[in-house]
């Protein structure tokens, strides 16, 4: 199976897709958070940084916190893109789209509503 994946997956597309998906996610959250929730749009980046730095960074406006949040966010985006690429290769596009949507919803819910409370 590994050799088949190595032959049929366009590896250059995975980091590009991860960067694009991560950027779209950030833009949507940064632009919509102030409109919908009347809070700072960069709170999402601080939530992501809190996954590795702890909940004390949620109140911080430090540039280092934002940099850590961006690094973690884009690393996770590329990792999850790799997972979806393997699913699409193994089971097809329809399963990949449905699985990707469910995985994205699960990841969003777990990361932003569960992990940030600890």
C-alpha atoms as a PDB file:
ATOM      1  CA  UNK A   1       0.000   0.000   0.000  1.00  0.00           C
ATOM      2  CA  UNK A   2       2.808   2.457   0.843  1.00  0.00           C
ATOM      3  CA  UNK A   3       4.432   2.014  -2.579  1.00  0.00           C
ATOM      4  CA  UNK A   4       1.087   2.606  -4.273  1.00  0.00           C
ATOM      5  CA  UNK A   5       0.566   5.828  -2.323  1.00  0.00           C
ATOM      6  CA  UNK A   6       4.094   6.995  -3.099  1.00  0.00           C
ATOM      7  CA  UNK A   7       3.526   6.454  -6.820  1.00  0.00           C
ATOM      8  CA  UNK A   8       0.060   7.977  -7.113  1.00  0.00           C
ATOM      9  CA  UNK A   9       0.019  10.941  -4.727  1.00  0.00           C
ATOM     10  CA  UNK A  10       1.322  14.279  -5.962  1.00  0.00           C
ATOM     11  CA  UNK A  11       3.398  15.180  -2.924  1.00  0.00           C
ATOM     12  CA  UNK A  12       3.911  18.801  -3.980  1.00  0.00           C
ATOM     13  CA  UNK A  13       0.162  19.369  -3.904  1.00  0.00           C
ATOM     14  CA  UNK A  14      -0.155  18.398  -0.238  1.00  0.00           C
ATOM     15  CA  UNK A  15       1.749  21.334   1.323  1.00  0.00           C
ATOM     16  CA  UNK A  16       0.183  23.747  -1.169  1.00  0.00           C
ATOM     17  CA  UNK A  17      -3.312  22.493  -0.329  1.00  0.00           C
ATOM     18  CA  UNK A  18      -2.475  22.653   3.387  1.00  0.00           C
ATOM     19  CA  UNK A  19      -1.292  26.243   3.091  1.00  0.00           C
ATOM     20  CA  UNK A  20      -4.327  27.276   1.038  1.00  0.00           C
ATOM     21  CA  UNK A  21      -6.801  25.560   3.381  1.00  0.00           C
ATOM     22  CA  UNK A  22      -5.050  26.965   6.437  1.00  0.00           C
ATOM     23  CA  UNK A  23      -5.039  30.470   5.004  1.00  0.00           C
ATOM     24  CA  UNK A  24      -8.726  30.311   4.048  1.00  0.00           C
ATOM     25  CA  UNK A  25      -9.568  29.083   7.556  1.00  0.00           C
ATOM     26  CA  UNK A  26      -7.604  31.912   9.153  1.00  0.00           C
ATOM     27  CA  UNK A  27      -9.058  34.581   6.874  1.00  0.00           C
ATOM     28  CA  UNK A  28     -12.627  33.441   7.475  1.00  0.00           C
ATOM     29  CA  UNK A  29     -12.110  33.393  11.234  1.00  0.00           C
ATOM     30  CA  UNK A  30     -10.162  36.648  11.452  1.00  0.00           C
ATOM     31  CA  UNK A  31     -12.723  38.472   9.312  1.00  0.00           C
ATOM     32  CA  UNK A  32     -15.913  36.926  10.729  1.00  0.00           C
ATOM     33  CA  UNK A  33     -15.113  36.733  14.457  1.00  0.00           C
ATOM     34  CA  UNK A  34     -15.399  40.509  14.965  1.00  0.00           C
ATOM     35  CA  UNK A  35     -18.635  40.631  12.955  1.00  0.00           C
ATOM     36  CA  UNK A  36     -20.402  37.607  14.439  1.00  0.00           C
ATOM     37  CA  UNK A  37     -19.074  37.464  18.013  1.00  0.00           C
ATOM     38  CA  UNK A  38     -17.768  41.030  18.488  1.00  0.00           C
ATOM     39  CA  UNK A  39     -14.372  39.719  19.653  1.00  0.00           C
ATOM     40  CA  UNK A  40     -10.818  40.084  18.401  1.00  0.00           C
ATOM     41  CA  UNK A  41     -10.310  38.129  15.184  1.00  0.00           C
ATOM     42  CA  UNK A  42      -6.873  36.953  16.264  1.00  0.00           C
ATOM     43  CA  UNK A  43      -8.360  35.026  19.188  1.00  0.00           C
ATOM     44  CA  UNK A  44      -8.448  31.920  16.979  1.00  0.00           C
ATOM     45  CA  UNK A  45      -4.683  32.140  16.493  1.00  0.00           C
ATOM     46  CA  UNK A  46      -4.238  32.445  20.263  1.00  0.00           C
ATOM     47  CA  UNK A  47      -6.521  29.413  20.737  1.00  0.00           C
ATOM     48  CA  UNK A  48      -4.263  27.443  18.426  1.00  0.00           C
ATOM     49  CA  UNK A  49      -1.144  28.687  20.237  1.00  0.00           C
ATOM     50  CA  UNK A  50      -2.700  27.608  23.533  1.00  0.00           C
ATOM     51  CA  UNK A  51      -2.604  24.001  22.326  1.00  0.00           C
ATOM     52  CA  UNK A  52       1.156  24.033  22.947  1.00  0.00           C
ATOM     53  CA  UNK A  53       1.663  27.053  25.234  1.00  0.00           C
ATOM     54  CA  UNK A  54      -1.223  26.586  27.667  1.00  0.00           C
ATOM     55  CA  UNK A  55      -4.326  28.616  28.389  1.00  0.00           C
ATOM     56  CA  UNK A  56      -2.361  31.531  29.844  1.00  0.00           C
ATOM     57  CA  UNK A  57      -1.689  32.852  26.324  1.00  0.00           C
ATOM     58  CA  UNK A  58      -5.370  33.451  25.594  1.00  0.00           C
ATOM     59  CA  UNK A  59      -5.148  36.904  27.175  1.00  0.00           C
ATOM     60  CA  UNK A  60      -1.781  37.692  25.594  1.00  0.00           C
ATOM     61  CA  UNK A  61      -1.345  39.973  22.605  1.00  0.00           C
ATOM     62  CA  UNK A  62       2.345  39.111  22.332  1.00  0.00           C
ATOM     63  CA  UNK A  63       3.743  38.675  18.827  1.00  0.00           C
ATOM     64  CA  UNK A  64       5.484  35.454  19.892  1.00  0.00           C
ATOM     65  CA  UNK A  65       2.123  33.922  20.745  1.00  0.00           C
ATOM     66  CA  UNK A  66       0.792  34.776  17.297  1.00  0.00           C
ATOM     67  CA  UNK A  67       3.892  33.326  15.616  1.00  0.00           C
ATOM     68  CA  UNK A  68       3.581  30.069  17.589  1.00  0.00           C
ATOM     69  CA  UNK A  69      -0.127  29.938  16.742  1.00  0.00           C
ATOM     70  CA  UNK A  70       0.581  30.370  13.032  1.00  0.00           C
ATOM     71  CA  UNK A  71       3.337  27.733  13.031  1.00  0.00           C
ATOM     72  CA  UNK A  72       1.147  25.204  14.853  1.00  0.00           C
ATOM     73  CA  UNK A  73      -1.838  26.047  12.662  1.00  0.00           C
ATOM     74  CA  UNK A  74       0.000  25.561   9.372  1.00  0.00           C
ATOM     75  CA  UNK A  75       1.757  22.399  10.598  1.00  0.00           C
ATOM     76  CA  UNK A  76      -1.591  20.883  11.561  1.00  0.00           C
ATOM     77  CA  UNK A  77      -3.135  22.037   8.270  1.00  0.00           C
ATOM     78  CA  UNK A  78      -0.467  20.206   6.300  1.00  0.00           C
ATOM     79  CA  UNK A  79      -0.746  17.090   8.488  1.00  0.00           C
ATOM     80  CA  UNK A  80      -4.518  16.918   8.053  1.00  0.00           C
ATOM     81  CA  UNK A  81      -4.139  17.541   4.317  1.00  0.00           C
ATOM     82  CA  UNK A  82      -1.806  14.541   4.147  1.00  0.00           C
ATOM     83  CA  UNK A  83      -4.405  12.407   5.927  1.00  0.00           C
ATOM     84  CA  UNK A  84      -7.132  13.498   3.501  1.00  0.00           C
ATOM     85  CA  UNK A  85      -4.833  12.869   0.505  1.00  0.00           C
ATOM     86  CA  UNK A  86      -4.273   9.307   1.691  1.00  0.00           C
ATOM     87  CA  UNK A  87      -8.023   8.805   2.243  1.00  0.00           C
ATOM     88  CA  UNK A  88      -8.818  10.135  -1.244  1.00  0.00           C
ATOM     89  CA  UNK A  89      -6.154   7.911  -2.776  1.00  0.00           C
ATOM     90  CA  UNK A  90      -7.344   4.833  -0.903  1.00  0.00           C
ATOM     91  CA  UNK A  91     -11.141   5.183  -1.065  1.00  0.00           C
ATOM     92  CA  UNK A  92     -11.907   7.776  -3.729  1.00  0.00           C
ATOM     93  CA  UNK A  93     -12.946  11.383  -4.071  1.00  0.00           C
ATOM     94  CA  UNK A  94     -16.489  11.142  -2.668  1.00  0.00           C
ATOM     95  CA  UNK A  95     -15.329   9.390   0.499  1.00  0.00           C
ATOM     96  CA  UNK A  96     -12.470  11.890   0.726  1.00  0.00           C
ATOM     97  CA  UNK A  97     -14.832  14.861   0.516  1.00  0.00           C
ATOM     98  CA  UNK A  98     -17.266  13.451   3.072  1.00  0.00           C
ATOM     99  CA  UNK A  99     -14.443  12.227   5.301  1.00  0.00           C
ATOM    100  CA  UNK A 100     -12.629  15.539   4.954  1.00  0.00           C
ATOM    101  CA  UNK A 101     -15.721  17.486   5.952  1.00  0.00           C
ATOM    102  CA  UNK A 102     -16.310  15.255   8.974  1.00  0.00           C
ATOM    103  CA  UNK A 103     -12.626  15.340   9.932  1.00  0.00           C
ATOM    104  CA  UNK A 104     -12.559  19.125   9.598  1.00  0.00           C
ATOM    105  CA  UNK A 105     -15.659  19.516  11.761  1.00  0.00           C
ATOM    106  CA  UNK A 106     -14.260  17.136  14.373  1.00  0.00           C
ATOM    107  CA  UNK A 107     -10.861  18.842  14.421  1.00  0.00           C
ATOM    108  CA  UNK A 108     -12.440  22.293  14.681  1.00  0.00           C
ATOM    109  CA  UNK A 109     -14.714  21.192  17.517  1.00  0.00           C
ATOM    110  CA  UNK A 110     -12.025  19.344  19.445  1.00  0.00           C
ATOM    111  CA  UNK A 111      -9.336  22.000  19.073  1.00  0.00           C
ATOM    112  CA  UNK A 112     -11.385  25.115  19.683  1.00  0.00           C
ATOM    113  CA  UNK A 113     -13.978  23.915  22.156  1.00  0.00           C
ATOM    114  CA  UNK A 114     -12.241  21.168  24.123  1.00  0.00           C
ATOM    115  CA  UNK A 115      -8.457  21.526  24.090  1.00  0.00           C
ATOM    116  CA  UNK A 116      -8.486  25.259  24.812  1.00  0.00           C
ATOM    117  CA  UNK A 117     -10.450  24.828  28.049  1.00  0.00           C
ATOM    118  CA  UNK A 118      -7.594  22.967  29.771  1.00  0.00           C
END
